[in-house]
Amino acid sequence: MLEDLIGTELQWIPEYRGLYAVSKYGKVIYRNSMTGKVGELSIQKISTGYPVVRLIKRGYPKSHLLARLILKAWIPIPDNRKKWIVGYKDGDIENLKLDNLYWNQRTNKRTKKAVPVELYRDDKLYQSFRTITDANKFLHFKYTSSIKEFAKSGELYKGFKIVLPDT
């Protein structure tokens, strides 16, 4: 019965062939290898709201992002696995229909342009930093937005005027 639906309505999940299949609409079907019983898995959500399912192989359970499983089953990952993440055409992480999902290249955060920071005391350059993160460490800020807010307002922080030269 399950095999009749493979290819048209369902696809095997690559790492779980013969055990779990997924539909184009986000339903995960399992087959118990001992009894042959077929059923639908329940979908859970992690704290960020992403739907996940817990799959078991050789007695070891593992949670998987459901959207990633759907894409892996229906549209193979283009090349290097770690470079690709799931994108949602409509921005809704709960819309798990295959036609809403696509492979999106992961952006490397290190490729962002570094924003230099200069600290002035008494209108003289006291110290300059290559990045906001470096200045955060020096000033003991928790968030990068704090540096930007002080730079924008012109207020002094611990006697320092914060300047972002490139902005």
Foldseek 3Di string as FASTA:
>chain_A
DVVVPDPPAWFAQVVGPPAWIAGLQQWIWGADPVPRDIDTFDWDADPVGFIWGWDDDPRDIDIDRSLVSSCCRPPNDPDDVVQWDKDAQVRDNVRSRNVRIDIDGDDDPVPDQAFKKFKDAPNHTDDIDRHLVVVCVVLVPPDSVVLVVQQVVQDDDPRIRMHRVVD
